[in-house]
Amino acid sequence: MEKISIGVEKHFCEECSLALRRFVGHMEGVESIDVEEGKIAIAFDNSKVTREALLKITKDSIEKLGYKLIE
């Protein structure tokens, strides 16, 4: 299992946090997703989903919800 951490510009509202957990958390290979203030931590099985694919989908989802990543 591998973990990634993504910084987000501002705190997620409750609805956005739930939406992100539902969408990304239900992807094949994702073991867990924690949405905390200013950070998203995802544990995943890299034999089922690549780090690059997971980062792209998560980034796209975050931006669609109106948030920006801290690079």
C-alpha atoms as a PDB file:
ATOM      1  CA  MET A   1       0.000   0.000   0.000  1.00  0.00           C
ATOM      2  CA  GLU A   2       1.165   3.492  -0.849  1.00  0.00           C
ATOM      3  CA  LYS A   3       0.090   6.902   0.476  1.00  0.00           C
ATOM      4  CA  ILE A   4      -0.106  10.336  -1.082  1.00  0.00           C
ATOM      5  CA  SER A   5      -0.838  13.667   0.534  1.00  0.00           C
ATOM      6  CA  ILE A   6      -2.257  16.638  -1.365  1.00  0.00           C
ATOM      7  CA  GLY A   7      -2.339  20.188  -0.033  1.00  0.00           C
ATOM      8  CA  VAL A   8      -5.468  22.259  -0.643  1.00  0.00           C
ATOM      9  CA  GLU A   9      -5.708  26.044  -0.516  1.00  0.00           C
ATOM     10  CA  LYS A  10      -8.626  26.215   1.917  1.00  0.00           C
ATOM     11  CA  HIS A  11     -10.756  24.070   4.234  1.00  0.00           C
ATOM     12  CA  PHE A  12     -13.383  21.867   2.533  1.00  0.00           C
ATOM     13  CA  CYS A  13     -17.024  22.447   3.392  1.00  0.00           C
ATOM     14  CA  GLU A  14     -18.802  19.349   4.722  1.00  0.00           C
ATOM     15  CA  GLU A  15     -20.682  18.636   1.471  1.00  0.00           C
ATOM     16  CA  CYS A  16     -17.534  18.908  -0.658  1.00  0.00           C
ATOM     17  CA  SER A  17     -15.635  16.711   1.764  1.00  0.00           C
ATOM     18  CA  LEU A  18     -18.334  14.025   1.522  1.00  0.00           C
ATOM     19  CA  ALA A  19     -18.477  14.313  -2.281  1.00  0.00           C
ATOM     20  CA  LEU A  20     -14.715  13.873  -2.568  1.00  0.00           C
ATOM     21  CA  ARG A  21     -14.752  10.916  -0.177  1.00  0.00           C
ATOM     22  CA  ARG A  22     -17.556   9.294  -2.161  1.00  0.00           C
ATOM     23  CA  PHE A  23     -15.988   9.810  -5.573  1.00  0.00           C
ATOM     24  CA  VAL A  24     -12.305   9.154  -4.903  1.00  0.00           C
ATOM     25  CA  GLY A  25     -12.909   6.758  -2.014  1.00  0.00           C
ATOM     26  CA  HIS A  26     -14.927   4.402  -4.215  1.00  0.00           C
ATOM     27  CA  MET A  27     -12.269   4.129  -6.927  1.00  0.00           C
ATOM     28  CA  GLU A  28     -10.751   0.698  -7.402  1.00  0.00           C
ATOM     29  CA  GLY A  29      -7.535   0.443  -5.430  1.00  0.00           C
ATOM     30  CA  VAL A  30      -8.270   3.273  -2.982  1.00  0.00           C
ATOM     31  CA  GLU A  31      -8.063   1.911   0.559  1.00  0.00           C
ATOM     32  CA  SER A  32      -8.874   5.115   2.469  1.00  0.00           C
ATOM     33  CA  ILE A  33      -9.194   8.861   2.060  1.00  0.00           C
ATOM     34  CA  ASP A  34      -8.927  11.400   4.877  1.00  0.00           C
ATOM     35  CA  VAL A  35      -9.991  14.963   4.203  1.00  0.00           C
ATOM     36  CA  GLU A  36      -8.561  17.271   6.837  1.00  0.00           C
ATOM     37  CA  GLU A  37      -8.102  21.001   7.040  1.00  0.00           C
ATOM     38  CA  GLY A  38      -5.857  21.926   4.137  1.00  0.00           C
ATOM     39  CA  LYS A  39      -4.852  18.359   3.295  1.00  0.00           C
ATOM     40  CA  ILE A  40      -6.132  15.205   1.650  1.00  0.00           C
ATOM     41  CA  ALA A  41      -4.408  11.900   2.470  1.00  0.00           C
ATOM     42  CA  ILE A  42      -5.105   8.873   0.278  1.00  0.00           C
ATOM     43  CA  ALA A  43      -3.932   5.302   0.885  1.00  0.00           C
ATOM     44  CA  PHE A  44      -4.081   3.109  -2.196  1.00  0.00           C
ATOM     45  CA  ASP A  45      -2.978  -0.168  -3.740  1.00  0.00           C
ATOM     46  CA  ASN A  46      -0.560   0.726  -6.537  1.00  0.00           C
ATOM     47  CA  SER A  47      -1.166  -2.621  -8.244  1.00  0.00           C
ATOM     48  CA  LYS A  48      -4.769  -1.518  -8.917  1.00  0.00           C
ATOM     49  CA  VAL A  49      -4.384   2.210  -9.576  1.00  0.00           C
ATOM     50  CA  THR A  50      -1.259   4.178 -10.479  1.00  0.00           C
ATOM     51  CA  ARG A  51      -0.115   7.143  -8.445  1.00  0.00           C
ATOM     52  CA  GLU A  52      -0.299   9.363 -11.543  1.00  0.00           C
ATOM     53  CA  ALA A  53      -3.878   8.330 -12.414  1.00  0.00           C
ATOM     54  CA  LEU A  54      -5.022   8.824  -8.833  1.00  0.00           C
ATOM     55  CA  LEU A  55      -3.394  12.268  -8.613  1.00  0.00           C
ATOM     56  CA  LYS A  56      -4.985  13.375 -11.896  1.00  0.00           C
ATOM     57  CA  ILE A  57      -8.479  12.210 -10.953  1.00  0.00           C
ATOM     58  CA  THR A  58      -8.192  13.683  -7.452  1.00  0.00           C
ATOM     59  CA  LYS A  59      -6.885  17.007  -8.801  1.00  0.00           C
ATOM     60  CA  ASP A  60      -9.696  17.177 -11.368  1.00  0.00           C
ATOM     61  CA  SER A  61     -12.285  16.391  -8.677  1.00  0.00           C
ATOM     62  CA  ILE A  62     -10.894  19.026  -6.307  1.00  0.00           C
ATOM     63  CA  GLU A  63     -10.910  21.688  -9.026  1.00  0.00           C
ATOM     64  CA  LYS A  64     -14.478  20.813 -10.075  1.00  0.00           C
ATOM     65  CA  LEU A  65     -15.538  21.406  -6.474  1.00  0.00           C
ATOM     66  CA  GLY A  66     -14.008  24.904  -6.702  1.00  0.00           C
ATOM     67  CA  TYR A  67     -10.799  24.368  -4.696  1.00  0.00           C
ATOM     68  CA  LYS A  68      -7.164  24.836  -5.666  1.00  0.00           C
ATOM     69  CA  LEU A  69      -4.198  22.611  -4.904  1.00  0.00           C
ATOM     70  CA  ILE A  70      -1.063  23.822  -3.181  1.00  0.00           C
ATOM     71  CA  GLU A  71       1.821  22.563  -5.282  1.00  0.00           C
END
